[in-house]
Amino acid sequence: MTRGEYGVSRIKNTIPHRGALLLVDRVRRVVPGQSLTAVKAVSGNEPCYAPLGQDAAPADYAYPTSLVVESWAQSAVLLSVWEAPNPDVLAGKVELAGSINEVAFGARAYPGDVLEHRVRMVKAVDETAILAGETYVGSREVLRIGAFVVALRDVTELAPAPGRALLTV
């Protein structure tokens, strides 16, 4: 069953990303377990453009490819957990990116562009999903991903051993 559009509220109630780390603005279409189309508007006010000075060349405003990949990956995670959302990284099942393969970059995106992420479920087994898809700006392909693995794990399985910090600096 195809479902209609969803905004930031539904997105935040599905995945834990917030603030500048949330790189999906709207889900345009979702067929749970099959496909999802989401969008992200690129704005000249984003943190990645803050270091650019007045003399920045137009090419300097190309949206970073790492952020295009992250935005697409957030769309993929949305599809993988659409029917079992968990917006809290401190409880329940959390989403872990396992691998990403067959990544190809095409056209660049710039402020004013709208990224359209198209995600397809390739296979889902237990709590692991393999997804694939593309990102477009209009008719220009910006990104193609052949396989992206998302695994759900209970947060208690990821806790550090007693007396050990999860991250050390």
N, C-alpha and C. Protein backbone atom coordinates (compact mmCIF):
# COMPACT_ATOMS: atom_id res chain seq x y z
N MET A 1 0.83 -1.17 0.00
CA MET A 1 0.00 0.00 0.00
C MET A 1 0.88 1.25 0.00
N THR A 2 0.66 2.13 -0.94
CA THR A 2 1.40 3.39 -1.02
C THR A 2 0.83 4.36 0.01
N ARG A 3 1.73 5.03 0.69
CA ARG A 3 1.31 6.05 1.65
C ARG A 3 1.80 7.40 1.17
N GLY A 4 1.08 8.45 1.54
CA GLY A 4 1.34 9.81 1.07
C GLY A 4 2.52 10.49 1.71
N GLU A 5 2.49 11.82 1.69
CA GLU A 5 3.60 12.64 2.16
C GLU A 5 3.65 12.73 3.68
N TYR A 6 4.90 12.82 4.18
CA TYR A 6 5.14 12.97 5.61
C TYR A 6 6.22 14.02 5.80
N GLY A 7 6.06 14.85 6.82
CA GLY A 7 7.02 15.92 7.09
C GLY A 7 8.01 15.57 8.18
N VAL A 8 8.68 16.60 8.67
CA VAL A 8 9.76 16.45 9.63
C VAL A 8 9.28 15.78 10.92
N SER A 9 8.06 16.05 11.33
CA SER A 9 7.56 15.45 12.57
C SER A 9 7.58 13.92 12.48
N ARG A 10 7.07 13.36 11.38
CA ARG A 10 7.05 11.90 11.21
C ARG A 10 8.47 11.36 11.08
N ILE A 11 9.33 12.11 10.40
CA ILE A 11 10.72 11.69 10.24
C ILE A 11 11.41 11.61 11.60
N LYS A 12 11.23 12.64 12.43
CA LYS A 12 11.85 12.66 13.77
C LYS A 12 11.26 11.60 14.69
N ASN A 13 10.05 11.16 14.41
CA ASN A 13 9.45 10.09 15.19
C ASN A 13 9.83 8.70 14.68
N THR A 14 10.66 8.67 13.64
CA THR A 14 11.07 7.40 13.04
C THR A 14 12.56 7.14 13.24
N ILE A 15 13.39 8.16 13.03
CA ILE A 15 14.83 8.02 13.19
C ILE A 15 15.33 9.07 14.20
N PRO A 16 16.49 8.85 14.81
CA PRO A 16 16.95 9.73 15.89
C PRO A 16 17.66 11.02 15.45
N HIS A 17 17.84 11.26 14.18
CA HIS A 17 18.59 12.43 13.72
C HIS A 17 17.86 13.72 14.08
N ARG A 18 18.63 14.74 14.46
CA ARG A 18 18.07 16.02 14.88
C ARG A 18 18.94 17.17 14.38
N GLY A 19 18.40 18.36 14.37
CA GLY A 19 19.14 19.58 14.05
C GLY A 19 19.87 19.49 12.73
N ALA A 20 21.11 19.97 12.73
CA ALA A 20 21.90 20.01 11.50
C ALA A 20 22.23 18.61 10.98
N LEU A 21 22.06 17.57 11.82
CA LEU A 21 22.34 16.20 11.39
C LEU A 21 21.17 15.55 10.67
N LEU A 22 19.98 16.15 10.75
CA LEU A 22 18.83 15.61 10.03
C LEU A 22 18.86 16.17 8.61
N LEU A 23 19.07 15.29 7.64
CA LEU A 23 19.24 15.71 6.25
C LEU A 23 18.14 15.21 5.33
N VAL A 24 16.93 15.03 5.88
CA VAL A 24 15.75 14.68 5.09
C VAL A 24 14.64 15.63 5.52
N ASP A 25 14.04 16.31 4.55
CA ASP A 25 12.98 17.28 4.85
C ASP A 25 11.58 16.71 4.76
N ARG A 26 11.38 15.77 3.84
CA ARG A 26 10.03 15.27 3.60
C ARG A 26 10.11 13.91 2.94
N VAL A 27 9.19 13.04 3.32
CA VAL A 27 9.01 11.77 2.62
C VAL A 27 7.83 11.98 1.69
N ARG A 28 8.07 11.87 0.41
CA ARG A 28 7.00 12.11 -0.58
C ARG A 28 6.12 10.88 -0.80
N ARG A 29 6.74 9.72 -0.71
CA ARG A 29 5.99 8.49 -1.01
C ARG A 29 6.69 7.34 -0.31
N VAL A 30 5.91 6.45 0.28
CA VAL A 30 6.50 5.26 0.88
C VAL A 30 5.58 4.07 0.65
N VAL A 31 6.18 2.99 0.24
CA VAL A 31 5.52 1.69 0.18
C VAL A 31 6.30 0.85 1.18
N PRO A 32 5.79 0.70 2.41
CA PRO A 32 6.56 0.02 3.45
C PRO A 32 7.11 -1.33 2.98
N GLY A 33 8.40 -1.53 3.28
CA GLY A 33 9.06 -2.77 2.90
C GLY A 33 9.48 -2.84 1.45
N GLN A 34 9.15 -1.81 0.65
CA GLN A 34 9.48 -1.85 -0.78
C GLN A 34 10.26 -0.64 -1.28
N SER A 35 9.70 0.56 -1.08
CA SER A 35 10.36 1.74 -1.65
C SER A 35 9.98 3.01 -0.88
N LEU A 36 10.82 4.02 -1.06
CA LEU A 36 10.58 5.31 -0.42
C LEU A 36 11.22 6.38 -1.28
N THR A 37 10.53 7.51 -1.40
CA THR A 37 11.06 8.68 -2.07
C THR A 37 11.03 9.82 -1.06
N ALA A 38 12.19 10.45 -0.85
CA ALA A 38 12.30 11.55 0.12
C ALA A 38 13.05 12.70 -0.53
N VAL A 39 12.90 13.89 0.05
CA VAL A 39 13.58 15.06 -0.49
C VAL A 39 14.32 15.82 0.60
N LYS A 40 15.35 16.53 0.15
CA LYS A 40 16.13 17.40 1.01
C LYS A 40 16.47 18.63 0.19
N ALA A 41 16.03 19.80 0.67
CA ALA A 41 16.35 21.06 0.00
C ALA A 41 17.73 21.53 0.45
N VAL A 42 18.56 21.86 -0.50
CA VAL A 42 19.89 22.37 -0.20
C VAL A 42 19.79 23.89 -0.05
N SER A 43 20.24 24.41 1.09
CA SER A 43 20.16 25.84 1.38
C SER A 43 21.55 26.43 1.51
N GLY A 44 21.71 27.65 1.09
CA GLY A 44 22.98 28.34 1.23
C GLY A 44 23.33 28.67 2.67
N ASN A 45 22.38 28.46 3.59
CA ASN A 45 22.61 28.74 5.01
C ASN A 45 23.10 27.53 5.79
N GLU A 46 23.38 26.43 5.12
CA GLU A 46 23.80 25.22 5.83
C GLU A 46 25.21 25.38 6.39
N PRO A 47 25.48 24.67 7.51
CA PRO A 47 26.79 24.79 8.16
C PRO A 47 27.98 24.52 7.23
N CYS A 48 27.82 23.67 6.25
CA CYS A 48 28.95 23.34 5.36
C CYS A 48 29.42 24.55 4.55
N TYR A 49 28.56 25.56 4.41
CA TYR A 49 28.94 26.75 3.65
C TYR A 49 29.49 27.87 4.52
N ALA A 50 29.43 27.73 5.84
CA ALA A 50 29.86 28.79 6.75
C ALA A 50 31.30 29.25 6.52
N PRO A 51 32.25 28.35 6.23
CA PRO A 51 33.64 28.80 6.05
C PRO A 51 33.89 29.58 4.75
N LEU A 52 32.93 29.56 3.82
CA LEU A 52 33.16 30.23 2.54
C LEU A 52 33.09 31.74 2.70
N GLY A 53 34.04 32.41 2.16
CA GLY A 53 34.09 33.87 2.23
C GLY A 53 33.34 34.51 1.08
N GLN A 54 33.39 35.84 1.04
CA GLN A 54 32.70 36.62 0.00
C GLN A 54 33.23 36.31 -1.40
N ASP A 55 34.48 35.89 -1.48
CA ASP A 55 35.10 35.65 -2.79
C ASP A 55 34.99 34.21 -3.25
N ALA A 56 34.13 33.43 -2.62
CA ALA A 56 33.99 32.01 -3.00
C ALA A 56 33.47 31.91 -4.43
N ALA A 57 34.05 30.98 -5.16
CA ALA A 57 33.63 30.73 -6.53
C ALA A 57 32.35 29.90 -6.52
N PRO A 58 31.54 29.98 -7.57
CA PRO A 58 30.31 29.18 -7.62
C PRO A 58 30.56 27.70 -7.38
N ALA A 59 31.67 27.17 -7.89
CA ALA A 59 31.98 25.74 -7.70
C ALA A 59 32.18 25.40 -6.23
N ASP A 60 32.59 26.39 -5.43
CA ASP A 60 32.79 26.16 -4.00
C ASP A 60 31.48 25.83 -3.28
N TYR A 61 30.37 26.16 -3.91
CA TYR A 61 29.07 25.92 -3.30
C TYR A 61 28.47 24.56 -3.66
N ALA A 62 29.25 23.72 -4.32
CA ALA A 62 28.78 22.35 -4.59
C ALA A 62 28.51 21.67 -3.24
N TYR A 63 27.35 21.09 -3.11
CA TYR A 63 26.98 20.43 -1.85
C TYR A 63 27.93 19.24 -1.67
N PRO A 64 28.53 19.10 -0.48
CA PRO A 64 29.50 18.01 -0.28
C PRO A 64 28.91 16.63 -0.56
N THR A 65 29.65 15.83 -1.30
CA THR A 65 29.16 14.49 -1.66
C THR A 65 28.91 13.64 -0.41
N SER A 66 29.70 13.86 0.64
CA SER A 66 29.49 13.10 1.88
C SER A 66 28.12 13.39 2.47
N LEU A 67 27.63 14.62 2.33
CA LEU A 67 26.30 14.97 2.85
C LEU A 67 25.20 14.42 1.95
N VAL A 68 25.46 14.34 0.64
CA VAL A 68 24.49 13.71 -0.26
C VAL A 68 24.32 12.24 0.13
N VAL A 69 25.45 11.55 0.37
CA VAL A 69 25.40 10.15 0.77
C VAL A 69 24.67 10.01 2.10
N GLU A 70 24.99 10.85 3.07
CA GLU A 70 24.34 10.78 4.39
C GLU A 70 22.84 11.02 4.27
N SER A 71 22.44 11.98 3.46
CA SER A 71 21.02 12.26 3.29
C SER A 71 20.30 11.07 2.66
N TRP A 72 20.92 10.47 1.62
CA TRP A 72 20.33 9.27 1.00
C TRP A 72 20.26 8.14 2.03
N ALA A 73 21.33 7.96 2.80
CA ALA A 73 21.37 6.88 3.80
C ALA A 73 20.28 7.07 4.86
N GLN A 74 20.02 8.31 5.27
CA GLN A 74 18.93 8.55 6.22
C GLN A 74 17.59 8.15 5.60
N SER A 75 17.42 8.39 4.31
CA SER A 75 16.21 7.97 3.61
C SER A 75 16.11 6.45 3.59
N ALA A 76 17.23 5.78 3.39
CA ALA A 76 17.26 4.31 3.39
C ALA A 76 16.90 3.77 4.76
N VAL A 77 17.43 4.38 5.80
CA VAL A 77 17.10 3.95 7.17
C VAL A 77 15.61 4.17 7.43
N LEU A 78 15.07 5.29 6.96
CA LEU A 78 13.63 5.53 7.12
C LEU A 78 12.82 4.38 6.54
N LEU A 79 13.17 3.95 5.33
CA LEU A 79 12.45 2.83 4.72
C LEU A 79 12.62 1.56 5.55
N SER A 80 13.84 1.31 6.00
CA SER A 80 14.10 0.05 6.71
C SER A 80 13.38 -0.05 8.05
N VAL A 81 13.06 1.08 8.68
CA VAL A 81 12.40 1.05 9.99
C VAL A 81 11.02 1.71 9.98
N TRP A 82 10.47 1.95 8.82
CA TRP A 82 9.21 2.70 8.70
C TRP A 82 8.10 2.13 9.59
N GLU A 83 8.00 0.83 9.63
CA GLU A 83 6.91 0.22 10.41
C GLU A 83 7.31 -0.12 11.84
N ALA A 84 8.57 0.14 12.20
CA ALA A 84 9.04 -0.09 13.57
C ALA A 84 9.95 1.06 13.97
N PRO A 85 9.41 2.28 14.03
CA PRO A 85 10.24 3.45 14.31
C PRO A 85 10.82 3.45 15.71
N ASN A 86 12.01 4.08 15.83
CA ASN A 86 12.62 4.29 17.14
C ASN A 86 13.45 5.57 17.09
N PRO A 87 12.89 6.69 17.57
CA PRO A 87 13.63 7.95 17.52
C PRO A 87 14.62 8.13 18.67
N ASP A 88 14.77 7.13 19.54
CA ASP A 88 15.61 7.26 20.74
C ASP A 88 16.82 6.34 20.64
N VAL A 89 18.02 6.92 20.50
CA VAL A 89 19.22 6.09 20.37
C VAL A 89 19.65 5.47 21.70
N LEU A 90 18.97 5.82 22.78
CA LEU A 90 19.33 5.27 24.08
C LEU A 90 18.42 4.13 24.53
N ALA A 91 17.47 3.75 23.68
CA ALA A 91 16.54 2.69 24.04
C ALA A 91 16.14 1.90 22.80
N GLY A 92 15.75 0.66 23.00
CA GLY A 92 15.24 -0.16 21.91
C GLY A 92 16.29 -0.53 20.88
N LYS A 93 15.83 -0.67 19.65
CA LYS A 93 16.70 -1.04 18.53
C LYS A 93 17.26 0.21 17.87
N VAL A 94 18.56 0.21 17.63
CA VAL A 94 19.20 1.32 16.94
C VAL A 94 19.69 0.85 15.58
N GLU A 95 19.75 1.79 14.65
CA GLU A 95 20.15 1.49 13.29
C GLU A 95 21.66 1.63 13.13
N LEU A 96 22.27 0.62 12.56
CA LEU A 96 23.71 0.66 12.30
C LEU A 96 23.94 0.48 10.80
N ALA A 97 24.75 1.35 10.23
CA ALA A 97 25.15 1.19 8.83
C ALA A 97 26.23 0.14 8.77
N GLY A 98 26.00 -0.91 7.98
CA GLY A 98 26.96 -2.00 7.90
C GLY A 98 27.98 -1.81 6.80
N SER A 99 27.52 -1.48 5.61
CA SER A 99 28.43 -1.27 4.48
C SER A 99 27.68 -0.51 3.39
N ILE A 100 28.46 0.05 2.50
CA ILE A 100 27.90 0.74 1.33
C ILE A 100 28.80 0.38 0.15
N ASN A 101 28.19 -0.07 -0.95
CA ASN A 101 28.95 -0.53 -2.11
C ASN A 101 28.39 0.03 -3.40
N GLU A 102 29.22 -0.01 -4.43
CA GLU A 102 28.83 0.43 -5.76
C GLU A 102 28.29 1.85 -5.74
N VAL A 103 29.08 2.76 -5.19
CA VAL A 103 28.71 4.16 -5.09
C VAL A 103 29.26 4.91 -6.30
N ALA A 104 28.39 5.64 -6.98
CA ALA A 104 28.81 6.42 -8.15
C ALA A 104 28.23 7.83 -8.03
N PHE A 105 29.08 8.82 -8.28
CA PHE A 105 28.65 10.21 -8.22
C PHE A 105 28.47 10.76 -9.63
N GLY A 106 27.47 11.57 -9.80
CA GLY A 106 27.20 12.19 -11.09
C GLY A 106 27.26 13.70 -10.98
N ALA A 107 26.15 14.36 -11.31
CA ALA A 107 26.08 15.82 -11.26
C ALA A 107 26.22 16.30 -9.83
N ARG A 108 26.55 17.56 -9.65
CA ARG A 108 26.66 18.16 -8.32
C ARG A 108 25.38 18.92 -7.99
N ALA A 109 25.13 19.08 -6.71
CA ALA A 109 23.97 19.85 -6.24
C ALA A 109 24.48 21.15 -5.63
N TYR A 110 23.65 22.19 -5.69
CA TYR A 110 24.01 23.52 -5.21
C TYR A 110 22.85 24.11 -4.42
N PRO A 111 23.12 25.17 -3.63
CA PRO A 111 22.02 25.81 -2.92
C PRO A 111 20.88 26.16 -3.88
N GLY A 112 19.67 25.89 -3.44
CA GLY A 112 18.49 26.08 -4.27
C GLY A 112 18.00 24.79 -4.91
N ASP A 113 18.87 23.78 -4.97
CA ASP A 113 18.48 22.49 -5.54
C ASP A 113 17.71 21.66 -4.50
N VAL A 114 16.89 20.77 -5.00
CA VAL A 114 16.19 19.82 -4.13
C VAL A 114 16.67 18.42 -4.52
N LEU A 115 17.27 17.74 -3.55
CA LEU A 115 17.70 16.35 -3.75
C LEU A 115 16.48 15.45 -3.62
N GLU A 116 16.28 14.58 -4.58
CA GLU A 116 15.21 13.59 -4.48
C GLU A 116 15.86 12.22 -4.36
N HIS A 117 15.69 11.62 -3.19
CA HIS A 117 16.26 10.30 -2.92
C HIS A 117 15.24 9.23 -3.24
N ARG A 118 15.65 8.26 -4.02
CA ARG A 118 14.81 7.11 -4.36
C ARG A 118 15.48 5.87 -3.78
N VAL A 119 14.77 5.20 -2.90
CA VAL A 119 15.33 4.05 -2.19
C VAL A 119 14.47 2.83 -2.46
N ARG A 120 15.13 1.70 -2.71
CA ARG A 120 14.43 0.43 -2.91
C ARG A 120 14.96 -0.60 -1.93
N MET A 121 14.07 -1.39 -1.39
CA MET A 121 14.47 -2.50 -0.54
C MET A 121 14.87 -3.64 -1.47
N VAL A 122 16.10 -4.09 -1.36
CA VAL A 122 16.57 -5.21 -2.16
C VAL A 122 16.22 -6.51 -1.44
N LYS A 123 16.51 -6.54 -0.14
CA LYS A 123 16.24 -7.74 0.65
C LYS A 123 16.21 -7.37 2.12
N ALA A 124 15.34 -8.02 2.86
CA ALA A 124 15.29 -7.84 4.31
C ALA A 124 15.26 -9.22 4.95
N VAL A 125 16.19 -9.47 5.89
CA VAL A 125 16.24 -10.73 6.60
C VAL A 125 16.38 -10.40 8.08
N ASP A 126 15.42 -10.85 8.86
CA ASP A 126 15.39 -10.57 10.28
C ASP A 126 15.55 -9.06 10.51
N GLU A 127 16.63 -8.66 11.15
CA GLU A 127 16.82 -7.25 11.46
C GLU A 127 17.92 -6.60 10.63
N THR A 128 18.10 -7.12 9.42
CA THR A 128 19.09 -6.58 8.50
C THR A 128 18.41 -6.32 7.16
N ALA A 129 18.71 -5.17 6.57
CA ALA A 129 18.13 -4.81 5.28
C ALA A 129 19.24 -4.41 4.32
N ILE A 130 19.04 -4.77 3.05
CA ILE A 130 19.93 -4.32 1.98
C ILE A 130 19.09 -3.43 1.09
N LEU A 131 19.58 -2.21 0.86
CA LEU A 131 18.83 -1.22 0.09
C LEU A 131 19.69 -0.70 -1.05
N ALA A 132 19.06 -0.14 -2.06
CA ALA A 132 19.76 0.45 -3.19
C ALA A 132 18.97 1.65 -3.66
N GLY A 133 19.58 2.48 -4.50
CA GLY A 133 18.82 3.60 -5.03
C GLY A 133 19.67 4.70 -5.62
N GLU A 134 19.01 5.84 -5.84
CA GLU A 134 19.63 6.97 -6.51
C GLU A 134 19.15 8.27 -5.87
N THR A 135 19.89 9.33 -6.20
CA THR A 135 19.49 10.68 -5.86
C THR A 135 19.54 11.51 -7.13
N TYR A 136 18.49 12.30 -7.31
CA TYR A 136 18.38 13.18 -8.48
C TYR A 136 18.16 14.62 -8.05
N VAL A 137 18.60 15.54 -8.90
CA VAL A 137 18.18 16.94 -8.86
C VAL A 137 17.53 17.15 -10.22
N GLY A 138 16.21 17.23 -10.22
CA GLY A 138 15.49 17.26 -11.49
C GLY A 138 15.76 15.97 -12.23
N SER A 139 16.24 16.07 -13.47
CA SER A 139 16.54 14.87 -14.26
C SER A 139 18.02 14.46 -14.16
N ARG A 140 18.82 15.23 -13.41
CA ARG A 140 20.25 14.96 -13.29
C ARG A 140 20.51 13.98 -12.14
N GLU A 141 21.15 12.86 -12.44
CA GLU A 141 21.51 11.90 -11.40
C GLU A 141 22.73 12.43 -10.65
N VAL A 142 22.61 12.49 -9.33
CA VAL A 142 23.67 12.99 -8.47
C VAL A 142 24.41 11.84 -7.80
N LEU A 143 23.69 10.77 -7.48
CA LEU A 143 24.26 9.66 -6.72
C LEU A 143 23.56 8.37 -7.10
N ARG A 144 24.33 7.29 -7.14
CA ARG A 144 23.76 5.94 -7.33
C ARG A 144 24.44 5.02 -6.33
N ILE A 145 23.63 4.25 -5.61
CA ILE A 145 24.15 3.31 -4.62
C ILE A 145 23.62 1.92 -4.96
N GLY A 146 24.56 0.98 -5.13
CA GLY A 146 24.18 -0.38 -5.49
C GLY A 146 23.74 -1.22 -4.32
N ALA A 147 24.33 -0.99 -3.14
CA ALA A 147 23.95 -1.77 -1.95
C ALA A 147 24.35 -1.01 -0.69
N PHE A 148 23.39 -0.92 0.21
CA PHE A 148 23.61 -0.28 1.51
C PHE A 148 22.99 -1.20 2.55
N VAL A 149 23.77 -1.58 3.55
CA VAL A 149 23.30 -2.52 4.56
C VAL A 149 22.99 -1.76 5.85
N VAL A 150 21.79 -2.00 6.38
CA VAL A 150 21.37 -1.44 7.66
C VAL A 150 21.02 -2.61 8.57
N ALA A 151 21.59 -2.61 9.77
CA ALA A 151 21.29 -3.66 10.75
C ALA A 151 20.71 -3.00 12.01
N LEU A 152 19.69 -3.62 12.56
CA LEU A 152 19.12 -3.16 13.83
C LEU A 152 19.71 -3.98 14.95
N ARG A 153 20.13 -3.30 16.00
CA ARG A 153 20.67 -3.99 17.17
C ARG A 153 20.09 -3.34 18.41
N ASP A 154 19.84 -4.16 19.43
CA ASP A 154 19.36 -3.64 20.69
C ASP A 154 20.46 -2.80 21.32
N VAL A 155 20.11 -1.64 21.80
CA VAL A 155 21.10 -0.73 22.35
C VAL A 155 21.88 -1.36 23.51
N THR A 156 21.27 -2.29 24.22
CA THR A 156 21.98 -2.93 25.33
C THR A 156 23.14 -3.79 24.83
N GLU A 157 23.05 -4.30 23.60
CA GLU A 157 24.14 -5.08 23.02
C GLU A 157 25.34 -4.20 22.67
N LEU A 158 25.11 -2.90 22.54
CA LEU A 158 26.16 -1.98 22.11
C LEU A 158 26.81 -1.25 23.27
N ALA A 159 26.29 -1.44 24.46
CA ALA A 159 26.84 -0.75 25.63
C ALA A 159 28.25 -1.24 25.90
N PRO A 160 29.12 -0.35 26.33
CA PRO A 160 30.49 -0.77 26.64
C PRO A 160 30.51 -1.66 27.87
N ALA A 161 31.54 -2.46 27.96
CA ALA A 161 31.73 -3.31 29.15
C ALA A 161 31.87 -2.42 30.38
N PRO A 162 31.46 -2.90 31.54
CA PRO A 162 31.60 -2.09 32.76
C PRO A 162 33.02 -1.57 32.93
N GLY A 163 33.14 -0.28 33.22
CA GLY A 163 34.44 0.34 33.41
C GLY A 163 35.11 0.79 32.14
N ARG A 164 34.47 0.57 30.98
CA ARG A 164 35.05 0.96 29.70
C ARG A 164 34.17 2.02 29.07
N ALA A 165 34.79 3.04 28.52
CA ALA A 165 34.05 4.10 27.82
C ALA A 165 33.77 3.64 26.40
N LEU A 166 32.65 4.06 25.86
CA LEU A 166 32.32 3.75 24.49
C LEU A 166 33.32 4.42 23.53
N LEU A 167 33.63 5.68 23.79
CA LEU A 167 34.61 6.41 23.00
C LEU A 167 35.64 7.03 23.92
N THR A 168 36.86 7.04 23.48
CA THR A 168 37.91 7.72 24.26
C THR A 168 38.50 8.82 23.39
N VAL A 169 38.90 9.88 24.04
CA VAL A 169 39.46 11.02 23.30
C VAL A 169 40.91 11.17 23.65
